[in-house]
Amino acid sequence: MAHADKEAIMILYPDVLDVDADGKAWISSGVEQTVDADAVALKKVQLSRKNEYPDWGTQLDYIYHNGVDKWKTDIVDPVKAKYPKPS
């Protein structure tokens, strides 16, 4: 299982103590937590986008110097294209 899967599960399910290699989440010894695969897939996209975007200061500076339309075209749209929402 990818690190992003485990990170997404741990964020979505704060009671989870561990996630095994098969993606099964465990809240305590021997008790399995049911995981919503669609929610995990969406959270993975959100985390990937968050890591890809520049910090807010950089983005606001870009908007100030280039405008909102250019910011959306140059910064936002490429990240959304790279990490599309699951359908």
N, C-alpha and C. Protein backbone atom coordinates (compact mmCIF):
# COMPACT_ATOMS: atom_id res chain seq x y z
N MET A 1 0.84 -1.17 0.00
CA MET A 1 0.00 0.00 0.00
C MET A 1 0.89 1.24 0.00
N ALA A 2 0.46 2.24 -0.73
CA ALA A 2 1.22 3.47 -0.84
C ALA A 2 1.11 4.30 0.44
N HIS A 3 2.13 5.09 0.69
CA HIS A 3 2.15 5.96 1.86
C HIS A 3 0.96 6.91 1.86
N ALA A 4 0.59 7.41 0.67
CA ALA A 4 -0.54 8.34 0.57
C ALA A 4 -1.84 7.69 1.03
N ASP A 5 -2.01 6.39 0.75
CA ASP A 5 -3.21 5.68 1.20
C ASP A 5 -3.27 5.67 2.72
N LYS A 6 -2.16 5.31 3.35
CA LYS A 6 -2.12 5.23 4.80
C LYS A 6 -2.35 6.61 5.41
N GLU A 7 -1.71 7.63 4.86
CA GLU A 7 -1.88 8.99 5.37
C GLU A 7 -3.34 9.43 5.25
N ALA A 8 -3.96 9.16 4.10
CA ALA A 8 -5.36 9.54 3.89
C ALA A 8 -6.27 8.82 4.88
N ILE A 9 -6.06 7.54 5.10
CA ILE A 9 -6.88 6.77 6.04
C ILE A 9 -6.72 7.31 7.45
N MET A 10 -5.47 7.59 7.85
CA MET A 10 -5.22 8.08 9.21
C MET A 10 -5.86 9.46 9.43
N ILE A 11 -5.94 10.29 8.39
CA ILE A 11 -6.58 11.59 8.52
C ILE A 11 -8.10 11.44 8.59
N LEU A 12 -8.65 10.61 7.73
CA LEU A 12 -10.11 10.43 7.69
C LEU A 12 -10.66 9.71 8.91
N TYR A 13 -9.85 8.82 9.48
CA TYR A 13 -10.30 8.00 10.60
C TYR A 13 -9.33 8.18 11.76
N PRO A 14 -9.53 9.20 12.59
CA PRO A 14 -8.59 9.50 13.67
C PRO A 14 -8.46 8.39 14.72
N ASP A 15 -9.44 7.51 14.82
CA ASP A 15 -9.37 6.42 15.80
C ASP A 15 -8.49 5.26 15.33
N VAL A 16 -8.10 5.27 14.05
CA VAL A 16 -7.29 4.18 13.51
C VAL A 16 -5.88 4.24 14.10
N LEU A 17 -5.42 3.10 14.58
CA LEU A 17 -4.08 3.01 15.15
C LEU A 17 -3.05 2.55 14.13
N ASP A 18 -3.49 1.71 13.17
CA ASP A 18 -2.55 1.18 12.19
C ASP A 18 -3.29 0.78 10.93
N VAL A 19 -2.56 0.79 9.81
CA VAL A 19 -3.09 0.35 8.52
C VAL A 19 -2.11 -0.68 7.99
N ASP A 20 -2.62 -1.88 7.64
CA ASP A 20 -1.71 -2.92 7.17
C ASP A 20 -1.44 -2.78 5.67
N ALA A 21 -0.62 -3.66 5.13
CA ALA A 21 -0.20 -3.60 3.73
C ALA A 21 -1.36 -3.77 2.76
N ASP A 22 -2.43 -4.41 3.20
CA ASP A 22 -3.62 -4.60 2.35
C ASP A 22 -4.58 -3.43 2.41
N GLY A 23 -4.26 -2.41 3.20
CA GLY A 23 -5.13 -1.25 3.32
C GLY A 23 -6.23 -1.41 4.35
N LYS A 24 -6.13 -2.45 5.18
CA LYS A 24 -7.11 -2.64 6.25
C LYS A 24 -6.70 -1.78 7.44
N ALA A 25 -7.65 -1.06 7.99
CA ALA A 25 -7.40 -0.17 9.10
C ALA A 25 -7.83 -0.84 10.40
N TRP A 26 -7.02 -0.65 11.43
CA TRP A 26 -7.30 -1.30 12.71
C TRP A 26 -7.38 -0.24 13.81
N ILE A 27 -8.48 -0.28 14.59
CA ILE A 27 -8.63 0.69 15.66
C ILE A 27 -8.10 0.17 16.99
N SER A 28 -8.00 -1.12 17.14
CA SER A 28 -7.37 -1.72 18.31
C SER A 28 -7.03 -3.15 17.95
N SER A 29 -6.35 -3.82 18.78
CA SER A 29 -5.90 -5.17 18.49
C SER A 29 -7.06 -6.06 18.06
N GLY A 30 -7.06 -6.42 16.79
CA GLY A 30 -8.07 -7.34 16.28
C GLY A 30 -9.38 -6.71 15.83
N VAL A 31 -9.55 -5.40 15.95
CA VAL A 31 -10.80 -4.76 15.54
C VAL A 31 -10.54 -3.97 14.27
N GLU A 32 -11.21 -4.39 13.19
CA GLU A 32 -11.01 -3.74 11.89
C GLU A 32 -11.99 -2.59 11.71
N GLN A 33 -11.49 -1.47 11.17
CA GLN A 33 -12.33 -0.29 10.86
C GLN A 33 -12.71 -0.36 9.39
N THR A 34 -14.00 -0.24 9.08
CA THR A 34 -14.43 -0.18 7.69
C THR A 34 -14.00 1.16 7.11
N VAL A 35 -13.40 1.11 5.92
CA VAL A 35 -12.85 2.30 5.28
C VAL A 35 -13.61 2.55 3.98
N ASP A 36 -14.04 3.78 3.77
CA ASP A 36 -14.73 4.19 2.55
C ASP A 36 -13.68 4.47 1.48
N ALA A 37 -13.58 3.60 0.49
CA ALA A 37 -12.55 3.72 -0.55
C ALA A 37 -12.68 5.02 -1.34
N ASP A 38 -13.90 5.47 -1.59
CA ASP A 38 -14.09 6.72 -2.34
C ASP A 38 -13.58 7.92 -1.54
N ALA A 39 -13.84 7.92 -0.25
CA ALA A 39 -13.37 9.02 0.61
C ALA A 39 -11.85 9.02 0.68
N VAL A 40 -11.25 7.84 0.74
CA VAL A 40 -9.79 7.74 0.78
C VAL A 40 -9.19 8.23 -0.54
N ALA A 41 -9.79 7.85 -1.66
CA ALA A 41 -9.30 8.30 -2.96
C ALA A 41 -9.37 9.82 -3.08
N LEU A 42 -10.46 10.42 -2.63
CA LEU A 42 -10.60 11.88 -2.68
C LEU A 42 -9.59 12.55 -1.75
N LYS A 43 -9.39 12.01 -0.56
CA LYS A 43 -8.42 12.59 0.38
C LYS A 43 -7.01 12.52 -0.19
N LYS A 44 -6.68 11.42 -0.91
CA LYS A 44 -5.36 11.31 -1.54
C LYS A 44 -5.16 12.42 -2.56
N VAL A 45 -6.19 12.73 -3.35
CA VAL A 45 -6.11 13.81 -4.33
C VAL A 45 -5.90 15.14 -3.61
N GLN A 46 -6.66 15.38 -2.55
CA GLN A 46 -6.53 16.62 -1.80
C GLN A 46 -5.12 16.79 -1.23
N LEU A 47 -4.57 15.72 -0.67
CA LEU A 47 -3.22 15.78 -0.11
C LEU A 47 -2.17 16.01 -1.19
N SER A 48 -2.34 15.36 -2.32
CA SER A 48 -1.39 15.53 -3.43
C SER A 48 -1.42 16.96 -3.94
N ARG A 49 -2.62 17.51 -4.10
CA ARG A 49 -2.73 18.90 -4.56
C ARG A 49 -2.12 19.86 -3.54
N LYS A 50 -2.41 19.63 -2.28
CA LYS A 50 -1.88 20.50 -1.22
C LYS A 50 -0.35 20.54 -1.27
N ASN A 51 0.26 19.39 -1.47
CA ASN A 51 1.73 19.32 -1.52
C ASN A 51 2.30 19.94 -2.78
N GLU A 52 1.53 20.02 -3.82
CA GLU A 52 2.00 20.52 -5.12
C GLU A 52 1.91 22.04 -5.23
N TYR A 53 0.88 22.63 -4.61
CA TYR A 53 0.70 24.08 -4.71
C TYR A 53 1.80 24.81 -3.95
N PRO A 54 2.22 25.99 -4.47
CA PRO A 54 3.14 26.82 -3.70
C PRO A 54 2.44 27.36 -2.44
N ASP A 55 3.21 27.88 -1.50
CA ASP A 55 2.60 28.44 -0.29
C ASP A 55 1.73 29.64 -0.67
N TRP A 56 0.85 30.03 0.26
CA TRP A 56 -0.11 31.10 -0.02
C TRP A 56 0.56 32.44 -0.32
N GLY A 57 1.66 32.73 0.36
CA GLY A 57 2.36 33.99 0.10
C GLY A 57 2.82 34.08 -1.35
N THR A 58 3.38 33.00 -1.84
CA THR A 58 3.84 32.96 -3.23
C THR A 58 2.67 33.10 -4.19
N GLN A 59 1.58 32.42 -3.88
CA GLN A 59 0.40 32.50 -4.75
C GLN A 59 -0.20 33.90 -4.76
N LEU A 60 -0.30 34.53 -3.61
CA LEU A 60 -0.85 35.88 -3.55
C LEU A 60 0.05 36.88 -4.28
N ASP A 61 1.35 36.69 -4.17
CA ASP A 61 2.29 37.54 -4.91
C ASP A 61 2.10 37.36 -6.41
N TYR A 62 1.91 36.13 -6.84
CA TYR A 62 1.69 35.83 -8.25
C TYR A 62 0.41 36.50 -8.74
N ILE A 63 -0.64 36.43 -7.93
CA ILE A 63 -1.90 37.09 -8.29
C ILE A 63 -1.70 38.60 -8.40
N TYR A 64 -0.99 39.17 -7.44
CA TYR A 64 -0.77 40.62 -7.44
C TYR A 64 -0.06 41.07 -8.71
N HIS A 65 0.96 40.31 -9.12
CA HIS A 65 1.77 40.71 -10.27
C HIS A 65 1.19 40.27 -11.62
N ASN A 66 0.38 39.20 -11.63
CA ASN A 66 -0.07 38.64 -12.91
C ASN A 66 -1.59 38.56 -13.08
N GLY A 67 -2.33 38.73 -12.01
CA GLY A 67 -3.79 38.65 -12.09
C GLY A 67 -4.31 37.26 -11.78
N VAL A 68 -5.58 37.22 -11.43
CA VAL A 68 -6.23 35.97 -11.02
C VAL A 68 -6.32 34.98 -12.18
N ASP A 69 -6.65 35.47 -13.37
CA ASP A 69 -6.80 34.55 -14.51
C ASP A 69 -5.49 33.84 -14.82
N LYS A 70 -4.38 34.56 -14.81
CA LYS A 70 -3.07 33.95 -15.09
C LYS A 70 -2.68 32.99 -13.97
N TRP A 71 -2.98 33.36 -12.72
CA TRP A 71 -2.71 32.47 -11.57
C TRP A 71 -3.45 31.15 -11.75
N LYS A 72 -4.73 31.25 -12.13
CA LYS A 72 -5.52 30.03 -12.31
C LYS A 72 -4.95 29.18 -13.45
N THR A 73 -4.58 29.83 -14.55
CA THR A 73 -4.05 29.12 -15.71
C THR A 73 -2.67 28.51 -15.43
N ASP A 74 -1.82 29.26 -14.76
CA ASP A 74 -0.43 28.83 -14.56
C ASP A 74 -0.20 27.97 -13.33
N ILE A 75 -0.99 28.16 -12.29
CA ILE A 75 -0.74 27.45 -11.03
C ILE A 75 -1.84 26.44 -10.70
N VAL A 76 -3.07 26.87 -10.74
CA VAL A 76 -4.17 26.00 -10.28
C VAL A 76 -4.49 24.90 -11.29
N ASP A 77 -4.73 25.28 -12.54
CA ASP A 77 -5.15 24.29 -13.54
C ASP A 77 -4.15 23.15 -13.76
N PRO A 78 -2.84 23.42 -13.83
CA PRO A 78 -1.91 22.29 -14.00
C PRO A 78 -1.93 21.29 -12.85
N VAL A 79 -2.11 21.78 -11.63
CA VAL A 79 -2.17 20.87 -10.48
C VAL A 79 -3.45 20.05 -10.52
N LYS A 80 -4.57 20.69 -10.86
CA LYS A 80 -5.83 19.96 -10.96
C LYS A 80 -5.78 18.93 -12.08
N ALA A 81 -5.08 19.25 -13.18
CA ALA A 81 -4.95 18.29 -14.28
C ALA A 81 -4.06 17.11 -13.87
N LYS A 82 -3.02 17.40 -13.10
CA LYS A 82 -2.09 16.35 -12.66
C LYS A 82 -2.75 15.41 -11.65
N TYR A 83 -3.61 15.97 -10.79
CA TYR A 83 -4.30 15.19 -9.76
C TYR A 83 -5.82 15.39 -9.89
N PRO A 84 -6.45 14.76 -10.87
CA PRO A 84 -7.90 14.94 -11.04
C PRO A 84 -8.68 14.24 -9.93
N LYS A 85 -9.86 14.78 -9.65
CA LYS A 85 -10.73 14.13 -8.66
C LYS A 85 -11.18 12.80 -9.21
N PRO A 86 -11.29 11.81 -8.33
CA PRO A 86 -11.79 10.50 -8.79
C PRO A 86 -13.25 10.61 -9.23
N SER A 87 -13.60 9.82 -10.23
CA SER A 87 -14.99 9.90 -10.72
C SER A 87 -15.82 8.76 -10.21
